[in-house]
């Protein structure tokens, strides 16, 4: 039986949610790490590069290390009902 932990640096919704549970929250965003492709976008496959990304739950946006907008997803938008870890105790 293989009990290896999942590679949370693979970019998937499950891994994003898992990282949120322990990610630093500051200035309104969570600091996440994923494998990055050659264009600096998060990758669902292992690459030779890990990059920092920022999730802003107040708008459901993921941004790269330079804070460029990569995507919007309503499932991570607090205005659409998402409850990130920092809001669960409020």
N, C-alpha and C. Protein backbone atom coordinates (compact mmCIF):
# COMPACT_ATOMS: atom_id res chain seq x y z
N UNK A 1 0.84 -1.19 0.00
CA UNK A 1 0.00 0.00 0.00
C UNK A 1 0.88 1.24 0.00
N UNK A 2 0.61 2.15 -0.91
CA UNK A 2 1.39 3.37 -1.02
C UNK A 2 0.71 4.48 -0.23
N UNK A 3 1.39 4.96 0.79
CA UNK A 3 0.81 6.01 1.63
C UNK A 3 1.53 7.34 1.44
N UNK A 4 2.13 7.52 0.27
CA UNK A 4 2.84 8.77 -0.01
C UNK A 4 1.85 9.93 0.00
N UNK A 5 2.29 11.02 0.57
CA UNK A 5 1.45 12.22 0.61
C UNK A 5 1.29 12.78 -0.80
N UNK A 6 0.14 13.37 -1.09
CA UNK A 6 -0.05 13.97 -2.42
C UNK A 6 0.91 15.15 -2.62
N UNK A 7 1.28 15.37 -3.84
CA UNK A 7 2.16 16.49 -4.18
C UNK A 7 1.30 17.75 -4.30
N UNK A 8 1.27 18.54 -3.25
CA UNK A 8 0.41 19.72 -3.21
C UNK A 8 0.86 20.83 -4.14
N UNK A 9 2.01 20.67 -4.76
CA UNK A 9 2.48 21.70 -5.70
C UNK A 9 1.91 21.50 -7.11
N UNK A 10 1.22 20.39 -7.33
CA UNK A 10 0.51 20.19 -8.60
C UNK A 10 -0.73 21.07 -8.57
N UNK A 11 -0.96 21.84 -9.60
CA UNK A 11 -2.07 22.78 -9.60
C UNK A 11 -3.39 22.08 -9.90
N UNK A 12 -4.17 21.87 -8.83
CA UNK A 12 -5.52 21.32 -8.93
C UNK A 12 -6.38 22.06 -7.91
N UNK A 13 -7.69 21.98 -8.06
CA UNK A 13 -8.58 22.60 -7.08
C UNK A 13 -8.38 21.99 -5.70
N UNK A 14 -8.25 20.66 -5.63
CA UNK A 14 -8.05 20.00 -4.34
C UNK A 14 -6.76 20.47 -3.67
N UNK A 15 -5.68 20.58 -4.44
CA UNK A 15 -4.41 21.02 -3.86
C UNK A 15 -4.44 22.49 -3.47
N UNK A 16 -5.13 23.30 -4.23
CA UNK A 16 -5.27 24.71 -3.87
C UNK A 16 -5.99 24.82 -2.52
N UNK A 17 -7.08 24.08 -2.38
CA UNK A 17 -7.83 24.11 -1.11
C UNK A 17 -6.99 23.56 0.04
N UNK A 18 -6.21 22.52 -0.21
CA UNK A 18 -5.36 21.96 0.84
C UNK A 18 -4.29 22.96 1.26
N UNK A 19 -3.67 23.63 0.31
CA UNK A 19 -2.66 24.64 0.65
C UNK A 19 -3.26 25.80 1.44
N UNK A 20 -4.49 26.15 1.15
CA UNK A 20 -5.12 27.27 1.86
C UNK A 20 -5.18 27.02 3.37
N UNK A 21 -5.30 25.77 3.76
CA UNK A 21 -5.43 25.44 5.18
C UNK A 21 -4.20 25.82 6.00
N UNK A 22 -3.04 25.88 5.37
CA UNK A 22 -1.81 26.21 6.09
C UNK A 22 -1.07 27.42 5.51
N UNK A 23 -1.59 27.99 4.45
CA UNK A 23 -0.91 29.12 3.78
C UNK A 23 -0.95 30.38 4.64
N UNK A 24 0.08 31.18 4.48
CA UNK A 24 0.11 32.49 5.14
C UNK A 24 -0.96 33.38 4.50
N UNK A 25 -1.69 34.12 5.35
CA UNK A 25 -2.69 35.08 4.87
C UNK A 25 -2.23 36.46 5.31
N UNK A 26 -1.98 37.32 4.34
CA UNK A 26 -1.54 38.68 4.67
C UNK A 26 -2.00 39.64 3.58
N UNK A 27 -2.30 40.84 3.99
CA UNK A 27 -2.71 41.89 3.05
C UNK A 27 -3.86 41.47 2.14
N UNK A 28 -4.70 40.57 2.61
CA UNK A 28 -5.88 40.17 1.85
C UNK A 28 -5.67 39.03 0.88
N UNK A 29 -4.49 38.39 0.90
CA UNK A 29 -4.26 37.27 -0.02
C UNK A 29 -3.54 36.12 0.70
N UNK A 30 -3.68 34.94 0.11
CA UNK A 30 -2.97 33.75 0.58
C UNK A 30 -1.76 33.53 -0.31
N UNK A 31 -0.65 33.12 0.30
CA UNK A 31 0.58 32.83 -0.43
C UNK A 31 0.62 31.32 -0.69
N UNK A 32 0.62 30.95 -1.96
CA UNK A 32 0.61 29.55 -2.37
C UNK A 32 1.82 29.24 -3.24
N UNK A 33 2.16 27.96 -3.35
CA UNK A 33 3.26 27.54 -4.22
C UNK A 33 2.80 26.39 -5.10
N UNK A 34 3.05 26.54 -6.40
CA UNK A 34 2.74 25.49 -7.37
C UNK A 34 3.88 25.37 -8.36
N UNK A 35 3.93 24.20 -9.01
CA UNK A 35 4.85 24.08 -10.15
C UNK A 35 4.41 25.12 -11.18
N UNK A 36 5.39 25.67 -11.89
CA UNK A 36 5.08 26.68 -12.91
C UNK A 36 5.59 26.20 -14.26
N UNK A 37 4.82 26.52 -15.29
CA UNK A 37 5.25 26.18 -16.65
C UNK A 37 6.24 27.23 -17.15
N UNK A 38 6.61 27.11 -18.42
CA UNK A 38 7.62 28.02 -18.98
C UNK A 38 7.14 29.46 -19.07
N UNK A 39 5.83 29.68 -18.99
CA UNK A 39 5.29 31.04 -19.02
C UNK A 39 5.02 31.59 -17.62
N UNK A 40 5.34 30.79 -16.59
CA UNK A 40 5.12 31.23 -15.22
C UNK A 40 3.73 30.98 -14.70
N UNK A 41 2.93 30.21 -15.42
CA UNK A 41 1.57 29.89 -14.97
C UNK A 41 1.58 28.58 -14.20
N UNK A 42 0.65 28.41 -13.26
CA UNK A 42 0.63 27.17 -12.47
C UNK A 42 0.40 25.95 -13.36
N UNK A 43 1.08 24.86 -13.01
CA UNK A 43 1.05 23.65 -13.83
C UNK A 43 0.47 22.47 -13.05
N UNK A 44 -0.33 21.67 -13.72
CA UNK A 44 -0.88 20.46 -13.10
C UNK A 44 0.08 19.28 -13.25
N UNK A 45 1.25 19.54 -13.83
CA UNK A 45 2.28 18.50 -14.00
C UNK A 45 3.56 18.99 -13.34
N UNK A 46 4.37 18.07 -12.82
CA UNK A 46 5.64 18.50 -12.23
C UNK A 46 6.54 19.16 -13.27
N UNK A 47 7.14 20.25 -12.89
CA UNK A 47 8.11 20.94 -13.75
C UNK A 47 9.37 21.13 -12.91
N UNK A 48 10.38 21.66 -13.47
CA UNK A 48 11.60 21.92 -12.72
C UNK A 48 11.56 23.21 -11.94
N UNK A 49 10.40 23.85 -11.90
CA UNK A 49 10.31 25.18 -11.30
C UNK A 49 9.08 25.27 -10.40
N UNK A 50 9.26 25.81 -9.20
CA UNK A 50 8.16 26.09 -8.28
C UNK A 50 8.09 27.60 -8.14
N UNK A 51 6.88 28.14 -8.22
CA UNK A 51 6.70 29.59 -8.14
C UNK A 51 5.66 29.93 -7.08
N UNK A 52 5.70 31.16 -6.65
CA UNK A 52 4.74 31.69 -5.67
C UNK A 52 3.57 32.30 -6.42
N UNK A 53 2.36 32.04 -5.90
CA UNK A 53 1.14 32.61 -6.44
C UNK A 53 0.32 33.16 -5.29
N UNK A 54 -0.56 34.09 -5.60
CA UNK A 54 -1.37 34.74 -4.58
C UNK A 54 -2.85 34.58 -4.90
N UNK A 55 -3.60 34.05 -3.94
CA UNK A 55 -5.05 33.92 -4.10
C UNK A 55 -5.72 35.01 -3.28
N UNK A 56 -6.51 35.83 -3.96
CA UNK A 56 -7.30 36.88 -3.32
C UNK A 56 -8.73 36.38 -3.19
N UNK A 57 -9.14 35.91 -2.00
CA UNK A 57 -10.50 35.39 -1.87
C UNK A 57 -11.58 36.46 -1.95
N UNK A 58 -11.24 37.71 -1.73
CA UNK A 58 -12.26 38.76 -1.82
C UNK A 58 -12.67 39.02 -3.26
N UNK A 59 -11.98 38.42 -4.19
CA UNK A 59 -12.33 38.59 -5.59
C UNK A 59 -12.23 37.30 -6.38
N UNK A 60 -11.76 36.22 -5.74
CA UNK A 60 -11.64 34.94 -6.41
C UNK A 60 -10.58 34.91 -7.49
N UNK A 61 -9.52 35.71 -7.31
CA UNK A 61 -8.49 35.79 -8.35
C UNK A 61 -7.18 35.17 -7.89
N UNK A 62 -6.49 34.57 -8.84
CA UNK A 62 -5.15 34.05 -8.62
C UNK A 62 -4.18 34.92 -9.40
N UNK A 63 -3.11 35.33 -8.72
CA UNK A 63 -2.12 36.21 -9.35
C UNK A 63 -0.74 35.59 -9.25
N UNK A 64 0.13 35.97 -10.18
CA UNK A 64 1.50 35.45 -10.18
C UNK A 64 2.38 36.28 -9.25
N UNK A 65 3.68 35.97 -9.25
CA UNK A 65 4.63 36.64 -8.33
C UNK A 65 4.70 38.14 -8.53
N UNK A 66 4.34 38.61 -9.73
CA UNK A 66 4.32 40.04 -10.01
C UNK A 66 2.93 40.64 -9.86
N UNK A 67 2.02 39.85 -9.30
CA UNK A 67 0.63 40.23 -9.06
C UNK A 67 -0.17 40.42 -10.35
N UNK A 68 0.29 39.83 -11.44
CA UNK A 68 -0.50 39.83 -12.68
C UNK A 68 -1.66 38.86 -12.52
N UNK A 69 -2.82 39.24 -13.00
CA UNK A 69 -4.00 38.40 -12.91
C UNK A 69 -3.87 37.20 -13.84
N UNK A 70 -4.04 35.99 -13.26
CA UNK A 70 -3.98 34.77 -14.06
C UNK A 70 -5.37 34.23 -14.36
N UNK A 71 -6.24 34.21 -13.34
CA UNK A 71 -7.61 33.76 -13.57
C UNK A 71 -8.53 34.19 -12.45
N UNK A 72 -9.82 34.11 -12.77
CA UNK A 72 -10.89 34.32 -11.80
C UNK A 72 -11.69 33.04 -11.73
N UNK A 73 -12.06 32.63 -10.52
CA UNK A 73 -12.92 31.47 -10.35
C UNK A 73 -13.90 31.79 -9.22
N UNK A 74 -15.17 31.76 -9.54
CA UNK A 74 -16.19 32.15 -8.56
C UNK A 74 -16.21 31.24 -7.34
N UNK A 75 -15.71 30.01 -7.47
CA UNK A 75 -15.72 29.12 -6.30
C UNK A 75 -14.74 29.58 -5.22
N UNK A 76 -13.85 30.50 -5.54
CA UNK A 76 -12.91 31.05 -4.55
C UNK A 76 -13.21 32.52 -4.23
N UNK A 77 -14.38 32.97 -4.55
CA UNK A 77 -14.79 34.36 -4.37
C UNK A 77 -15.69 34.47 -3.14
N UNK A 78 -15.26 35.22 -2.14
CA UNK A 78 -16.06 35.35 -0.92
C UNK A 78 -17.40 36.03 -1.19
N UNK A 79 -17.48 36.84 -2.24
CA UNK A 79 -18.75 37.48 -2.58
C UNK A 79 -19.72 36.49 -3.22
N UNK A 80 -19.23 35.31 -3.56
CA UNK A 80 -20.06 34.24 -4.12
C UNK A 80 -20.26 33.10 -3.13
N UNK A 81 -19.86 33.32 -1.86
CA UNK A 81 -20.11 32.34 -0.81
C UNK A 81 -18.91 31.54 -0.33
N UNK A 82 -17.74 31.75 -0.91
CA UNK A 82 -16.55 31.01 -0.47
C UNK A 82 -16.16 31.45 0.93
N UNK A 83 -15.83 30.47 1.79
CA UNK A 83 -15.40 30.75 3.16
C UNK A 83 -13.96 30.25 3.35
N UNK A 84 -12.96 31.11 3.13
CA UNK A 84 -11.57 30.70 3.32
C UNK A 84 -11.26 30.52 4.81
N UNK A 85 -10.14 29.88 5.14
CA UNK A 85 -9.81 29.60 6.54
C UNK A 85 -9.86 30.81 7.47
N UNK A 86 -9.39 31.96 7.04
CA UNK A 86 -9.36 33.12 7.95
C UNK A 86 -10.76 33.63 8.29
N UNK A 87 -11.77 33.26 7.51
CA UNK A 87 -13.14 33.71 7.77
C UNK A 87 -13.96 32.69 8.56
N UNK A 88 -13.47 31.49 8.71
CA UNK A 88 -14.24 30.44 9.39
C UNK A 88 -14.36 30.66 10.88
N UNK A 89 -13.46 31.42 11.47
CA UNK A 89 -13.50 31.66 12.91
C UNK A 89 -14.24 32.95 13.25
N UNK A 90 -14.65 33.68 12.23
CA UNK A 90 -15.34 34.96 12.46
C UNK A 90 -16.83 34.75 12.59
